[in-house]
């Protein structure tokens, strides 16, 4: 699914997914444990729920924008940095 979403850079896309998955797996429990020690379970669970809602909101916000970027790349609207530099050199 990730490779289909970003066919021009599948390795970079998978890298981002893996950093998120493994980073969350390491930092999530540690952060939750520290939060429980400082403020207790009663406050830690709403914070954890808020983080989940924020992450879901970020996915819902970024997903369509990434798709539009991918669509514009496919349509040829976006230019690579090399193409931009070549165009600038021709204008000089």
N, C-alpha and C. Protein backbone atom coordinates (compact mmCIF):
# COMPACT_ATOMS: atom_id res chain seq x y z
N UNK A 1 0.82 -1.18 0.00
CA UNK A 1 0.00 0.00 0.00
C UNK A 1 0.87 1.26 0.00
N UNK A 2 1.92 1.26 0.77
CA UNK A 2 2.80 2.43 0.83
C UNK A 2 3.51 2.60 -0.51
N UNK A 3 3.96 1.52 -1.09
CA UNK A 3 4.68 1.59 -2.36
C UNK A 3 3.74 2.09 -3.46
N UNK A 4 2.49 1.68 -3.44
CA UNK A 4 1.52 2.19 -4.42
C UNK A 4 1.26 3.67 -4.23
N UNK A 5 1.28 4.14 -2.99
CA UNK A 5 1.02 5.55 -2.71
C UNK A 5 2.16 6.44 -3.19
N UNK A 6 3.39 5.93 -3.15
CA UNK A 6 4.56 6.72 -3.55
C UNK A 6 5.44 5.87 -4.48
N UNK A 7 4.99 5.64 -5.72
CA UNK A 7 5.74 4.74 -6.59
C UNK A 7 7.11 5.28 -7.02
N UNK A 8 7.31 6.58 -6.97
CA UNK A 8 8.60 7.14 -7.39
C UNK A 8 9.68 7.01 -6.32
N UNK A 9 9.28 6.83 -5.06
CA UNK A 9 10.25 6.73 -3.97
C UNK A 9 9.79 5.70 -2.95
N UNK A 10 9.70 4.43 -3.34
CA UNK A 10 9.20 3.42 -2.40
C UNK A 10 10.10 3.21 -1.20
N UNK A 11 11.41 3.31 -1.37
CA UNK A 11 12.32 3.10 -0.24
C UNK A 11 12.16 4.21 0.79
N UNK A 12 12.05 5.44 0.32
CA UNK A 12 11.87 6.57 1.24
C UNK A 12 10.55 6.45 1.98
N UNK A 13 9.50 6.05 1.27
CA UNK A 13 8.19 5.90 1.90
C UNK A 13 8.21 4.81 2.96
N UNK A 14 8.83 3.69 2.65
CA UNK A 14 8.91 2.62 3.63
C UNK A 14 9.79 3.02 4.81
N UNK A 15 10.81 3.82 4.56
CA UNK A 15 11.65 4.31 5.65
C UNK A 15 10.86 5.16 6.63
N UNK A 16 10.02 6.03 6.10
CA UNK A 16 9.19 6.87 6.97
C UNK A 16 8.23 6.01 7.78
N UNK A 17 7.63 5.02 7.12
CA UNK A 17 6.69 4.13 7.83
C UNK A 17 7.41 3.36 8.93
N UNK A 18 8.59 2.85 8.63
CA UNK A 18 9.33 2.06 9.62
C UNK A 18 9.80 2.92 10.80
N UNK A 19 10.24 4.14 10.52
CA UNK A 19 10.64 5.04 11.61
C UNK A 19 9.44 5.31 12.51
N UNK A 20 8.28 5.55 11.91
CA UNK A 20 7.08 5.78 12.71
C UNK A 20 6.69 4.56 13.52
N UNK A 21 6.71 3.40 12.89
CA UNK A 21 6.28 2.18 13.58
C UNK A 21 7.24 1.81 14.72
N UNK A 22 8.52 1.76 14.41
CA UNK A 22 9.48 1.35 15.44
C UNK A 22 9.72 2.46 16.46
N UNK A 23 9.73 3.71 16.00
CA UNK A 23 9.88 4.82 16.94
C UNK A 23 8.73 4.88 17.92
N UNK A 24 7.52 4.69 17.40
CA UNK A 24 6.35 4.67 18.28
C UNK A 24 6.38 3.49 19.23
N UNK A 25 6.87 2.35 18.74
CA UNK A 25 6.96 1.17 19.59
C UNK A 25 7.96 1.31 20.72
N UNK A 26 8.98 2.12 20.50
CA UNK A 26 9.99 2.35 21.54
C UNK A 26 9.60 3.51 22.44
N UNK A 27 9.23 4.64 21.82
CA UNK A 27 8.97 5.85 22.60
C UNK A 27 7.60 5.84 23.27
N UNK A 28 6.62 5.19 22.67
CA UNK A 28 5.27 5.18 23.23
C UNK A 28 5.20 4.59 24.63
N UNK A 29 5.61 3.34 24.81
CA UNK A 29 5.55 2.75 26.15
C UNK A 29 6.45 3.47 27.16
N UNK A 30 7.62 3.89 26.71
CA UNK A 30 8.52 4.61 27.64
C UNK A 30 7.90 5.94 28.07
N UNK A 31 7.38 6.67 27.08
CA UNK A 31 6.75 7.95 27.41
C UNK A 31 5.53 7.79 28.28
N UNK A 32 4.74 6.77 28.00
CA UNK A 32 3.55 6.52 28.82
C UNK A 32 3.95 6.15 30.25
N UNK A 33 4.99 5.34 30.38
CA UNK A 33 5.47 4.96 31.71
C UNK A 33 5.96 6.16 32.51
N UNK A 34 6.71 7.03 31.86
CA UNK A 34 7.18 8.24 32.54
C UNK A 34 6.00 9.14 32.93
N UNK A 35 5.04 9.25 32.04
CA UNK A 35 3.87 10.07 32.33
C UNK A 35 3.07 9.51 33.50
N UNK A 36 2.92 8.19 33.55
CA UNK A 36 2.21 7.56 34.67
C UNK A 36 2.93 7.81 35.98
N UNK A 37 4.26 7.72 35.96
CA UNK A 37 5.02 7.97 37.18
C UNK A 37 4.85 9.40 37.69
N UNK A 38 4.75 10.35 36.77
CA UNK A 38 4.66 11.76 37.17
C UNK A 38 3.26 12.21 37.54
N UNK A 39 2.25 11.77 36.74
CA UNK A 39 0.90 12.30 36.96
C UNK A 39 -0.14 11.24 37.27
N UNK A 40 0.20 9.96 37.13
CA UNK A 40 -0.74 8.89 37.42
C UNK A 40 -1.55 8.47 36.20
N UNK A 41 -2.23 7.34 36.35
CA UNK A 41 -3.00 6.78 35.25
C UNK A 41 -4.19 7.66 34.85
N UNK A 42 -4.80 8.29 35.83
CA UNK A 42 -6.00 9.09 35.56
C UNK A 42 -5.72 10.20 34.53
N UNK A 43 -4.55 10.79 34.56
CA UNK A 43 -4.19 11.84 33.60
C UNK A 43 -3.47 11.28 32.37
N UNK A 44 -2.78 10.14 32.53
CA UNK A 44 -1.98 9.60 31.43
C UNK A 44 -2.85 9.05 30.30
N UNK A 45 -3.96 8.41 30.63
CA UNK A 45 -4.81 7.85 29.57
C UNK A 45 -5.42 8.91 28.67
N UNK A 46 -5.93 10.02 29.20
CA UNK A 46 -6.41 11.06 28.27
C UNK A 46 -5.31 11.64 27.39
N UNK A 47 -4.10 11.73 27.91
CA UNK A 47 -2.98 12.22 27.09
C UNK A 47 -2.69 11.21 25.97
N UNK A 48 -2.69 9.93 26.30
CA UNK A 48 -2.47 8.90 25.28
C UNK A 48 -3.58 8.94 24.22
N UNK A 49 -4.81 9.11 24.65
CA UNK A 49 -5.93 9.19 23.71
C UNK A 49 -5.79 10.43 22.82
N UNK A 50 -5.36 11.53 23.41
CA UNK A 50 -5.15 12.76 22.63
C UNK A 50 -4.06 12.57 21.58
N UNK A 51 -3.01 11.87 21.93
CA UNK A 51 -1.95 11.59 20.95
C UNK A 51 -2.48 10.74 19.80
N UNK A 52 -3.31 9.77 20.12
CA UNK A 52 -3.91 8.93 19.08
C UNK A 52 -4.80 9.75 18.16
N UNK A 53 -5.63 10.61 18.73
CA UNK A 53 -6.51 11.47 17.92
C UNK A 53 -5.68 12.42 17.07
N UNK A 54 -4.62 12.99 17.63
CA UNK A 54 -3.75 13.89 16.87
C UNK A 54 -3.08 13.16 15.70
N UNK A 55 -2.62 11.94 15.94
CA UNK A 55 -2.00 11.16 14.87
C UNK A 55 -3.01 10.84 13.77
N UNK A 56 -4.23 10.47 14.15
CA UNK A 56 -5.26 10.19 13.16
C UNK A 56 -5.59 11.45 12.36
N UNK A 57 -5.66 12.59 13.03
CA UNK A 57 -5.92 13.84 12.34
C UNK A 57 -4.82 14.18 11.37
N UNK A 58 -3.57 13.94 11.75
CA UNK A 58 -2.44 14.20 10.87
C UNK A 58 -2.51 13.32 9.62
N UNK A 59 -2.86 12.07 9.80
CA UNK A 59 -2.99 11.17 8.64
C UNK A 59 -4.11 11.64 7.73
N UNK A 60 -5.25 12.02 8.30
CA UNK A 60 -6.37 12.49 7.50
C UNK A 60 -6.05 13.81 6.80
N UNK A 61 -5.25 14.65 7.43
CA UNK A 61 -4.86 15.93 6.84
C UNK A 61 -3.82 15.73 5.74
N UNK A 62 -2.81 14.93 6.01
CA UNK A 62 -1.68 14.80 5.08
C UNK A 62 -1.99 13.87 3.91
N UNK A 63 -2.82 12.87 4.12
CA UNK A 63 -3.10 11.89 3.07
C UNK A 63 -3.55 12.51 1.76
N UNK A 64 -4.61 13.32 1.76
CA UNK A 64 -5.05 13.93 0.50
C UNK A 64 -4.00 14.85 -0.12
N UNK A 65 -3.23 15.54 0.72
CA UNK A 65 -2.21 16.44 0.18
C UNK A 65 -1.09 15.65 -0.48
N UNK A 66 -0.72 14.54 0.10
CA UNK A 66 0.30 13.69 -0.52
C UNK A 66 -0.21 13.12 -1.83
N UNK A 67 -1.48 12.75 -1.86
CA UNK A 67 -2.05 12.21 -3.10
C UNK A 67 -2.06 13.27 -4.19
N UNK A 68 -2.42 14.53 -3.83
CA UNK A 68 -2.41 15.61 -4.82
C UNK A 68 -1.00 15.84 -5.34
N UNK A 69 -0.01 15.76 -4.46
CA UNK A 69 1.38 15.93 -4.89
C UNK A 69 1.76 14.83 -5.85
N UNK A 70 1.37 13.61 -5.54
CA UNK A 70 1.67 12.47 -6.40
C UNK A 70 0.98 12.62 -7.74
N UNK A 71 -0.28 13.09 -7.74
CA UNK A 71 -1.01 13.28 -8.99
C UNK A 71 -0.36 14.36 -9.85
N UNK A 72 0.10 15.45 -9.22
CA UNK A 72 0.74 16.51 -10.00
C UNK A 72 2.08 16.04 -10.57
N UNK A 73 2.79 15.19 -9.83
CA UNK A 73 4.03 14.61 -10.36
C UNK A 73 3.73 13.76 -11.58
N UNK A 74 2.68 12.96 -11.51
CA UNK A 74 2.32 12.09 -12.61
C UNK A 74 1.88 12.90 -13.83
N UNK A 75 1.25 14.03 -13.60
CA UNK A 75 0.77 14.87 -14.70
C UNK A 75 1.89 15.74 -15.28
N UNK A 76 3.05 15.73 -14.64
CA UNK A 76 4.18 16.50 -15.15
C UNK A 76 4.21 17.94 -14.68
N UNK A 77 3.43 18.29 -13.68
CA UNK A 77 3.41 19.66 -13.20
C UNK A 77 4.60 19.98 -12.31
N UNK A 78 5.05 19.00 -11.58
CA UNK A 78 6.18 19.23 -10.69
C UNK A 78 7.47 18.95 -11.45
N UNK A 79 8.48 19.75 -11.17
CA UNK A 79 9.75 19.55 -11.84
C UNK A 79 10.80 19.16 -10.82
N UNK A 80 11.75 18.39 -11.26
CA UNK A 80 12.83 17.99 -10.37
C UNK A 80 13.74 19.19 -10.12
N UNK A 81 14.52 19.15 -9.05
CA UNK A 81 15.46 20.25 -8.80
C UNK A 81 16.43 20.47 -9.96
N UNK A 82 16.85 19.38 -10.62
CA UNK A 82 17.75 19.53 -11.76
C UNK A 82 17.08 20.27 -12.91
N UNK A 83 15.79 19.97 -13.14
CA UNK A 83 15.06 20.65 -14.22
C UNK A 83 14.90 22.13 -13.90
N UNK A 84 14.69 22.44 -12.64
CA UNK A 84 14.57 23.85 -12.26
C UNK A 84 15.88 24.58 -12.50
N UNK A 85 17.00 23.95 -12.12
CA UNK A 85 18.31 24.57 -12.32
C UNK A 85 18.63 24.72 -13.80
N UNK A 86 18.29 23.73 -14.60
CA UNK A 86 18.53 23.82 -16.04
C UNK A 86 17.74 24.97 -16.64
N UNK A 87 16.50 25.14 -16.21
CA UNK A 87 15.67 26.24 -16.70
C UNK A 87 16.23 27.58 -16.31
N UNK A 88 16.78 27.68 -15.11
CA UNK A 88 17.36 28.94 -14.63
C UNK A 88 18.61 29.27 -15.43
N UNK A 89 19.41 28.26 -15.78
CA UNK A 89 20.63 28.50 -16.55
C UNK A 89 20.30 28.98 -17.95
N UNK A 90 19.22 28.47 -18.54
CA UNK A 90 18.83 28.90 -19.88
C UNK A 90 18.36 30.34 -19.89
N UNK A 91 17.76 30.78 -18.79
CA UNK A 91 17.26 32.16 -18.74
C UNK A 91 18.36 33.18 -18.50
N UNK A 92 19.53 32.72 -18.05
CA UNK A 92 20.62 33.67 -17.74
C UNK A 92 21.33 34.11 -18.99
